[in-house]
Amino acid sequence: MSINLGSRSNGPSAEMNVTPLIDVLLVLLIIFMIVLPHHYAGEKADIPQPSSDAGTPPPEGTIVIQLHHEGEGKRPKLKINGEEVSWDGLEPRLRKIFLPRVSRIAFMKGDPELDFEYVAQAVDITHRAGADRVGLMGAKD
């Protein structure tokens, strides 16, 4: 209710009566406070679950290429995770290993007596086979 005190009462008042507006606003606020908390659960949906026979995930074990010293002037023996591989078969074998993998990282480990030339050749072959990174391991690794 609007009250005019001390003003002339013979003319229309230019002041707006906000009391009904505040009443409507409070009613809407109470309605929204009651209604909205019930939507916290979200919509119910049946999400398809992956089947158990969808295939096995690709193996993600560490790839370690070992170079074993065979003597002066001889090429070292190669092993991939303990499996012996020839120098000509290194690249195809690594390609086959890297094909299903997401992370293509290999580690190179060699005997201390090796010439670095052979290590560089093996790193180059590993990069050509698809490795993104090649790490060199020390004797203590």
N, C-alpha and C. Protein backbone atom coordinates (compact mmCIF):
# COMPACT_ATOMS: atom_id res chain seq x y z
N MET A 1 0.83 -1.16 0.00
CA MET A 1 0.00 0.00 0.00
C MET A 1 0.88 1.23 0.00
N SER A 2 0.52 2.19 -0.78
CA SER A 2 1.32 3.41 -0.90
C SER A 2 0.75 4.48 0.00
N ILE A 3 1.63 5.21 0.69
CA ILE A 3 1.19 6.28 1.59
C ILE A 3 1.83 7.57 1.12
N ASN A 4 1.02 8.60 1.01
CA ASN A 4 1.51 9.93 0.68
C ASN A 4 1.36 10.81 1.90
N LEU A 5 2.45 11.17 2.50
CA LEU A 5 2.40 12.06 3.66
C LEU A 5 3.04 13.39 3.29
N GLY A 6 2.41 14.42 3.58
CA GLY A 6 2.96 15.74 3.39
C GLY A 6 2.95 16.21 1.96
N SER A 7 2.30 15.55 1.09
CA SER A 7 2.23 16.05 -0.28
C SER A 7 0.79 16.45 -0.59
N ARG A 8 0.68 17.08 -1.69
CA ARG A 8 -0.67 17.51 -2.05
C ARG A 8 -1.48 16.31 -2.50
N SER A 9 -2.65 16.16 -1.96
CA SER A 9 -3.49 15.01 -2.28
C SER A 9 -4.50 15.33 -3.36
N ASN A 10 -4.46 16.50 -3.92
CA ASN A 10 -5.47 16.83 -4.91
C ASN A 10 -5.07 16.41 -6.32
N GLY A 11 -3.80 16.02 -6.58
CA GLY A 11 -3.39 15.60 -7.92
C GLY A 11 -2.92 14.16 -7.94
N PRO A 12 -2.79 13.60 -9.13
CA PRO A 12 -2.30 12.22 -9.23
C PRO A 12 -0.82 12.13 -8.81
N SER A 13 -0.46 11.01 -8.23
CA SER A 13 0.90 10.81 -7.75
C SER A 13 1.75 10.20 -8.87
N ALA A 14 3.00 10.65 -9.01
CA ALA A 14 3.90 10.14 -10.03
C ALA A 14 4.79 9.02 -9.49
N GLU A 15 4.64 8.63 -8.24
CA GLU A 15 5.45 7.57 -7.67
C GLU A 15 4.86 6.20 -8.00
N MET A 16 5.75 5.25 -8.27
CA MET A 16 5.30 3.90 -8.60
C MET A 16 5.15 3.08 -7.33
N ASN A 17 4.10 2.29 -7.27
CA ASN A 17 3.86 1.42 -6.12
C ASN A 17 4.53 0.07 -6.42
N VAL A 18 5.64 -0.24 -5.70
CA VAL A 18 6.41 -1.46 -5.98
C VAL A 18 6.03 -2.62 -5.08
N THR A 19 5.13 -2.43 -4.17
CA THR A 19 4.75 -3.50 -3.24
C THR A 19 4.18 -4.71 -3.98
N PRO A 20 3.26 -4.57 -4.94
CA PRO A 20 2.77 -5.76 -5.65
C PRO A 20 3.88 -6.44 -6.47
N LEU A 21 4.80 -5.66 -6.99
CA LEU A 21 5.90 -6.22 -7.77
C LEU A 21 6.81 -7.08 -6.89
N ILE A 22 7.08 -6.64 -5.67
CA ILE A 22 7.90 -7.41 -4.73
C ILE A 22 7.16 -8.67 -4.30
N ASP A 23 5.86 -8.60 -4.11
CA ASP A 23 5.07 -9.78 -3.76
C ASP A 23 5.15 -10.84 -4.86
N VAL A 24 5.02 -10.44 -6.09
CA VAL A 24 5.10 -11.38 -7.21
C VAL A 24 6.50 -11.98 -7.30
N LEU A 25 7.51 -11.16 -7.10
CA LEU A 25 8.89 -11.63 -7.14
C LEU A 25 9.18 -12.67 -6.05
N LEU A 26 8.69 -12.44 -4.85
CA LEU A 26 8.89 -13.40 -3.75
C LEU A 26 8.16 -14.72 -4.02
N VAL A 27 6.96 -14.65 -4.59
CA VAL A 27 6.22 -15.87 -4.92
C VAL A 27 6.98 -16.67 -5.97
N LEU A 28 7.51 -16.00 -7.01
CA LEU A 28 8.28 -16.70 -8.04
C LEU A 28 9.56 -17.31 -7.46
N LEU A 29 10.22 -16.60 -6.56
CA LEU A 29 11.42 -17.11 -5.92
C LEU A 29 11.11 -18.38 -5.13
N ILE A 30 10.04 -18.40 -4.39
CA ILE A 30 9.65 -19.59 -3.62
C ILE A 30 9.32 -20.74 -4.54
N ILE A 31 8.64 -20.48 -5.65
CA ILE A 31 8.30 -21.54 -6.61
C ILE A 31 9.57 -22.16 -7.19
N PHE A 32 10.52 -21.33 -7.60
CA PHE A 32 11.76 -21.85 -8.18
C PHE A 32 12.61 -22.59 -7.14
N MET A 33 12.57 -22.16 -5.90
CA MET A 33 13.32 -22.85 -4.86
C MET A 33 12.74 -24.24 -4.59
N ILE A 34 11.46 -24.41 -4.78
CA ILE A 34 10.82 -25.71 -4.54
C ILE A 34 10.96 -26.63 -5.75
N VAL A 35 10.81 -26.08 -6.95
CA VAL A 35 10.76 -26.90 -8.16
C VAL A 35 12.15 -27.33 -8.63
N LEU A 36 13.13 -26.46 -8.65
CA LEU A 36 14.42 -26.75 -9.27
C LEU A 36 15.26 -27.83 -8.59
N PRO A 37 15.27 -27.99 -7.29
CA PRO A 37 16.11 -29.05 -6.72
C PRO A 37 15.74 -30.46 -7.15
N HIS A 38 14.59 -30.69 -7.72
CA HIS A 38 14.19 -32.03 -8.15
C HIS A 38 14.84 -32.43 -9.46
N HIS A 39 15.52 -31.54 -10.12
CA HIS A 39 16.17 -31.85 -11.40
C HIS A 39 17.64 -32.20 -11.23
N TYR A 40 18.08 -32.52 -10.04
CA TYR A 40 19.49 -32.80 -9.82
C TYR A 40 19.90 -34.15 -10.41
N ALA A 41 18.99 -35.09 -10.58
CA ALA A 41 19.34 -36.44 -11.04
C ALA A 41 19.63 -36.47 -12.53
N GLY A 42 19.14 -35.55 -13.31
CA GLY A 42 19.35 -35.57 -14.74
C GLY A 42 18.37 -36.51 -15.42
N GLU A 43 18.54 -36.68 -16.69
CA GLU A 43 17.66 -37.54 -17.47
C GLU A 43 18.16 -38.98 -17.40
N LYS A 44 17.25 -39.90 -17.33
CA LYS A 44 17.61 -41.32 -17.33
C LYS A 44 17.83 -41.75 -18.78
N ALA A 45 18.95 -42.43 -19.03
CA ALA A 45 19.26 -42.90 -20.37
C ALA A 45 19.97 -44.24 -20.29
N ASP A 46 19.70 -45.08 -21.26
CA ASP A 46 20.40 -46.36 -21.36
C ASP A 46 21.61 -46.16 -22.25
N ILE A 47 22.79 -46.20 -21.66
CA ILE A 47 24.02 -46.01 -22.40
C ILE A 47 24.55 -47.37 -22.80
N PRO A 48 24.88 -47.56 -24.07
CA PRO A 48 25.37 -48.87 -24.48
C PRO A 48 26.71 -49.18 -23.83
N GLN A 49 26.84 -50.38 -23.31
CA GLN A 49 28.07 -50.82 -22.66
C GLN A 49 28.91 -51.60 -23.66
N PRO A 50 30.23 -51.47 -23.59
CA PRO A 50 31.06 -52.24 -24.53
C PRO A 50 30.94 -53.72 -24.23
N SER A 51 30.91 -54.48 -25.31
CA SER A 51 30.79 -55.93 -25.13
C SER A 51 32.13 -56.51 -24.69
N SER A 52 32.07 -57.64 -24.04
CA SER A 52 33.29 -58.26 -23.52
C SER A 52 34.13 -58.86 -24.63
N ASP A 53 33.53 -59.13 -25.80
CA ASP A 53 34.29 -59.71 -26.91
C ASP A 53 34.72 -58.66 -27.93
N ALA A 54 34.85 -57.39 -27.48
CA ALA A 54 35.21 -56.31 -28.38
C ALA A 54 36.67 -56.39 -28.82
N GLY A 55 37.40 -57.33 -28.32
CA GLY A 55 38.81 -57.46 -28.69
C GLY A 55 39.68 -57.09 -27.50
N THR A 56 40.82 -57.67 -27.49
CA THR A 56 41.74 -57.36 -26.41
C THR A 56 42.49 -56.09 -26.73
N PRO A 57 42.79 -55.28 -25.73
CA PRO A 57 43.55 -54.07 -26.01
C PRO A 57 44.96 -54.43 -26.46
N PRO A 58 45.55 -53.56 -27.27
CA PRO A 58 46.89 -53.87 -27.75
C PRO A 58 47.89 -53.91 -26.59
N PRO A 59 48.88 -54.76 -26.70
CA PRO A 59 49.86 -54.85 -25.61
C PRO A 59 50.67 -53.56 -25.51
N GLU A 60 50.90 -53.12 -24.30
CA GLU A 60 51.62 -51.88 -24.08
C GLU A 60 52.86 -52.08 -23.23
N GLY A 61 53.49 -53.24 -23.36
CA GLY A 61 54.70 -53.49 -22.59
C GLY A 61 55.86 -52.66 -23.12
N THR A 62 56.89 -52.55 -22.33
CA THR A 62 58.07 -51.79 -22.71
C THR A 62 58.87 -52.57 -23.74
N ILE A 63 59.34 -51.88 -24.77
CA ILE A 63 60.17 -52.50 -25.80
C ILE A 63 61.62 -52.16 -25.49
N VAL A 64 62.42 -53.20 -25.25
CA VAL A 64 63.84 -53.02 -24.97
C VAL A 64 64.62 -53.75 -26.05
N ILE A 65 65.45 -53.00 -26.77
CA ILE A 65 66.31 -53.57 -27.80
C ILE A 65 67.71 -53.67 -27.19
N GLN A 66 68.22 -54.89 -27.13
CA GLN A 66 69.53 -55.12 -26.51
C GLN A 66 70.56 -55.42 -27.59
N LEU A 67 71.74 -54.84 -27.44
CA LEU A 67 72.86 -55.09 -28.34
C LEU A 67 73.97 -55.75 -27.52
N HIS A 68 74.33 -56.99 -27.89
CA HIS A 68 75.34 -57.75 -27.15
C HIS A 68 76.63 -57.80 -27.97
N HIS A 69 77.72 -57.45 -27.33
CA HIS A 69 79.03 -57.40 -27.98
C HIS A 69 79.48 -58.80 -28.37
N GLU A 70 79.93 -58.97 -29.63
CA GLU A 70 80.36 -60.28 -30.14
C GLU A 70 81.87 -60.32 -30.39
N GLY A 71 82.56 -59.22 -30.19
CA GLY A 71 84.00 -59.17 -30.45
C GLY A 71 84.32 -58.03 -31.38
N GLU A 72 85.61 -57.71 -31.49
CA GLU A 72 86.04 -56.59 -32.33
C GLU A 72 85.75 -56.87 -33.80
N GLY A 73 85.20 -55.89 -34.49
CA GLY A 73 84.94 -55.99 -35.92
C GLY A 73 83.69 -56.78 -36.28
N LYS A 74 82.98 -57.32 -35.32
CA LYS A 74 81.76 -58.09 -35.59
C LYS A 74 80.54 -57.27 -35.15
N ARG A 75 79.45 -57.45 -35.88
CA ARG A 75 78.20 -56.78 -35.50
C ARG A 75 77.66 -57.43 -34.24
N PRO A 76 77.11 -56.61 -33.35
CA PRO A 76 76.56 -57.19 -32.12
C PRO A 76 75.28 -57.98 -32.39
N LYS A 77 74.97 -58.90 -31.48
CA LYS A 77 73.71 -59.65 -31.56
C LYS A 77 72.58 -58.74 -31.06
N LEU A 78 71.43 -58.87 -31.65
CA LEU A 78 70.26 -58.05 -31.29
C LEU A 78 69.21 -58.92 -30.63
N LYS A 79 68.56 -58.36 -29.63
CA LYS A 79 67.42 -59.00 -28.98
C LYS A 79 66.36 -57.94 -28.74
N ILE A 80 65.11 -58.32 -28.98
CA ILE A 80 63.98 -57.46 -28.65
C ILE A 80 63.22 -58.15 -27.53
N ASN A 81 63.25 -57.56 -26.36
CA ASN A 81 62.62 -58.14 -25.16
C ASN A 81 63.05 -59.59 -24.95
N GLY A 82 64.33 -59.87 -25.16
CA GLY A 82 64.87 -61.21 -24.92
C GLY A 82 64.77 -62.13 -26.12
N GLU A 83 64.06 -61.74 -27.17
CA GLU A 83 63.90 -62.58 -28.36
C GLU A 83 64.96 -62.18 -29.39
N GLU A 84 65.77 -63.13 -29.82
CA GLU A 84 66.86 -62.83 -30.74
C GLU A 84 66.32 -62.48 -32.12
N VAL A 85 66.93 -61.43 -32.72
CA VAL A 85 66.51 -60.93 -34.02
C VAL A 85 67.76 -60.62 -34.83
N SER A 86 67.69 -60.84 -36.15
CA SER A 86 68.83 -60.49 -37.01
C SER A 86 68.77 -59.01 -37.33
N TRP A 87 69.88 -58.48 -37.84
CA TRP A 87 69.92 -57.06 -38.20
C TRP A 87 68.94 -56.79 -39.35
N ASP A 88 68.82 -57.70 -40.30
CA ASP A 88 67.89 -57.50 -41.42
C ASP A 88 66.44 -57.63 -40.96
N GLY A 89 66.19 -58.41 -39.94
CA GLY A 89 64.83 -58.61 -39.46
C GLY A 89 64.40 -57.63 -38.39
N LEU A 90 65.29 -56.70 -38.00
CA LEU A 90 64.97 -55.76 -36.93
C LEU A 90 63.85 -54.81 -37.31
N GLU A 91 63.96 -54.18 -38.47
CA GLU A 91 62.94 -53.20 -38.87
C GLU A 91 61.57 -53.84 -39.08
N PRO A 92 61.44 -54.97 -39.83
CA PRO A 92 60.11 -55.57 -39.97
C PRO A 92 59.51 -56.02 -38.63
N ARG A 93 60.36 -56.54 -37.75
CA ARG A 93 59.85 -56.98 -36.44
C ARG A 93 59.35 -55.80 -35.62
N LEU A 94 60.09 -54.69 -35.64
CA LEU A 94 59.65 -53.50 -34.90
C LEU A 94 58.38 -52.91 -35.50
N ARG A 95 58.28 -52.90 -36.83
CA ARG A 95 57.03 -52.41 -37.47
C ARG A 95 55.83 -53.22 -36.99
N LYS A 96 56.00 -54.53 -36.92
CA LYS A 96 54.92 -55.41 -36.47
C LYS A 96 54.56 -55.12 -35.01
N ILE A 97 55.57 -54.84 -34.19
CA ILE A 97 55.31 -54.54 -32.78
C ILE A 97 54.62 -53.18 -32.63
N PHE A 98 55.07 -52.17 -33.40
CA PHE A 98 54.53 -50.81 -33.26
C PHE A 98 53.16 -50.64 -33.91
N LEU A 99 52.76 -51.52 -34.80
CA LEU A 99 51.51 -51.35 -35.55
C LEU A 99 50.28 -51.17 -34.66
N PRO A 100 50.03 -52.02 -33.66
CA PRO A 100 48.81 -51.83 -32.86
C PRO A 100 48.96 -50.85 -31.70
N ARG A 101 50.13 -50.29 -31.50
CA ARG A 101 50.40 -49.47 -30.32
C ARG A 101 50.05 -48.00 -30.54
N VAL A 102 49.66 -47.37 -29.45
CA VAL A 102 49.43 -45.93 -29.47
C VAL A 102 50.73 -45.21 -29.15
N SER A 103 51.40 -45.65 -28.10
CA SER A 103 52.67 -45.03 -27.74
C SER A 103 53.79 -45.87 -28.36
N ARG A 104 54.58 -45.23 -29.16
CA ARG A 104 55.65 -45.93 -29.88
C ARG A 104 57.00 -45.48 -29.31
N ILE A 105 57.32 -46.08 -28.18
CA ILE A 105 58.56 -45.75 -27.48
C ILE A 105 59.37 -47.03 -27.33
N ALA A 106 60.67 -46.93 -27.61
CA ALA A 106 61.56 -48.07 -27.45
C ALA A 106 62.78 -47.64 -26.65
N PHE A 107 63.39 -48.60 -25.99
CA PHE A 107 64.61 -48.34 -25.22
C PHE A 107 65.73 -49.20 -25.79
N MET A 108 66.90 -48.62 -25.83
CA MET A 108 68.07 -49.29 -26.38
C MET A 108 69.06 -49.52 -25.25
N LYS A 109 69.55 -50.77 -25.15
CA LYS A 109 70.52 -51.11 -24.11
C LYS A 109 71.66 -51.89 -24.77
N GLY A 110 72.87 -51.45 -24.51
CA GLY A 110 74.01 -52.11 -25.14
C GLY A 110 75.13 -52.36 -24.15
N ASP A 111 75.99 -53.30 -24.52
CA ASP A 111 77.17 -53.59 -23.71
C ASP A 111 78.12 -52.40 -23.76
N PRO A 112 78.89 -52.17 -22.70
CA PRO A 112 79.80 -51.02 -22.68
C PRO A 112 80.91 -51.10 -23.73
N GLU A 113 81.26 -52.29 -24.22
CA GLU A 113 82.35 -52.44 -25.18
C GLU A 113 81.94 -52.11 -26.61
N LEU A 114 80.67 -51.86 -26.87
CA LEU A 114 80.18 -51.64 -28.23
C LEU A 114 80.69 -50.33 -28.81
N ASP A 115 80.89 -50.35 -30.13
CA ASP A 115 81.15 -49.10 -30.85
C ASP A 115 79.82 -48.37 -31.00
N PHE A 116 79.87 -47.05 -30.89
CA PHE A 116 78.63 -46.28 -30.96
C PHE A 116 78.01 -46.36 -32.35
N GLU A 117 78.80 -46.73 -33.33
CA GLU A 117 78.30 -46.86 -34.70
C GLU A 117 77.11 -47.83 -34.75
N TYR A 118 77.22 -48.94 -34.05
CA TYR A 118 76.15 -49.94 -34.06
C TYR A 118 74.92 -49.46 -33.31
N VAL A 119 75.14 -48.73 -32.25
CA VAL A 119 74.01 -48.17 -31.50
C VAL A 119 73.28 -47.16 -32.37
N ALA A 120 74.02 -46.31 -33.08
CA ALA A 120 73.40 -45.32 -33.97
C ALA A 120 72.62 -45.99 -35.09
N GLN A 121 73.15 -47.09 -35.64
CA GLN A 121 72.43 -47.81 -36.69
C GLN A 121 71.12 -48.39 -36.15
N ALA A 122 71.19 -48.96 -34.96
CA ALA A 122 69.98 -49.55 -34.36
C ALA A 122 68.95 -48.47 -34.05
N VAL A 123 69.39 -47.30 -33.58
CA VAL A 123 68.46 -46.19 -33.30
C VAL A 123 67.82 -45.73 -34.60
N ASP A 124 68.62 -45.63 -35.67
CA ASP A 124 68.09 -45.20 -36.97
C ASP A 124 67.05 -46.19 -37.50
N ILE A 125 67.34 -47.46 -37.39
CA ILE A 125 66.39 -48.50 -37.84
C ILE A 125 65.11 -48.43 -37.02
N THR A 126 65.25 -48.20 -35.73
CA THR A 126 64.07 -48.12 -34.85
C THR A 126 63.19 -46.93 -35.22
N HIS A 127 63.80 -45.81 -35.54
CA HIS A 127 63.01 -44.64 -35.98
C HIS A 127 62.32 -44.92 -37.31
N ARG A 128 63.02 -45.57 -38.24
CA ARG A 128 62.40 -45.90 -39.54
C ARG A 128 61.24 -46.86 -39.36
N ALA A 129 61.31 -47.71 -38.35
CA ALA A 129 60.24 -48.70 -38.10
C ALA A 129 58.99 -48.05 -37.51
N GLY A 130 59.10 -46.79 -37.07
CA GLY A 130 57.91 -46.10 -36.58
C GLY A 130 57.98 -45.63 -35.15
N ALA A 131 59.12 -45.73 -34.52
CA ALA A 131 59.23 -45.29 -33.12
C ALA A 131 59.22 -43.76 -33.07
N ASP A 132 58.44 -43.23 -32.13
CA ASP A 132 58.43 -41.79 -31.92
C ASP A 132 59.62 -41.36 -31.08
N ARG A 133 59.97 -42.17 -30.10
CA ARG A 133 61.09 -41.87 -29.21
C ARG A 133 61.92 -43.13 -28.98
N VAL A 134 63.23 -42.92 -28.85
CA VAL A 134 64.13 -44.02 -28.51
C VAL A 134 64.96 -43.54 -27.34
N GLY A 135 64.89 -44.27 -26.24
CA GLY A 135 65.67 -43.92 -25.06
C GLY A 135 66.87 -44.84 -24.93
N LEU A 136 67.98 -44.27 -24.49
CA LEU A 136 69.19 -45.06 -24.27
C LEU A 136 69.30 -45.42 -22.80
N MET A 137 69.48 -46.68 -22.52
CA MET A 137 69.58 -47.16 -21.14
C MET A 137 71.04 -47.36 -20.78
N GLY A 138 71.37 -47.07 -19.54
CA GLY A 138 72.73 -47.29 -19.04
C GLY A 138 72.90 -48.69 -18.50
N ALA A 139 74.07 -48.95 -17.97
CA ALA A 139 74.38 -50.28 -17.44
C ALA A 139 73.56 -50.61 -16.20
N LYS A 140 73.15 -49.62 -15.43
CA LYS A 140 72.43 -49.87 -14.18
C LYS A 140 70.93 -50.04 -14.40
N ASP A 141 70.43 -49.76 -15.60
CA ASP A 141 68.98 -49.80 -15.85
C ASP A 141 68.48 -51.20 -16.04
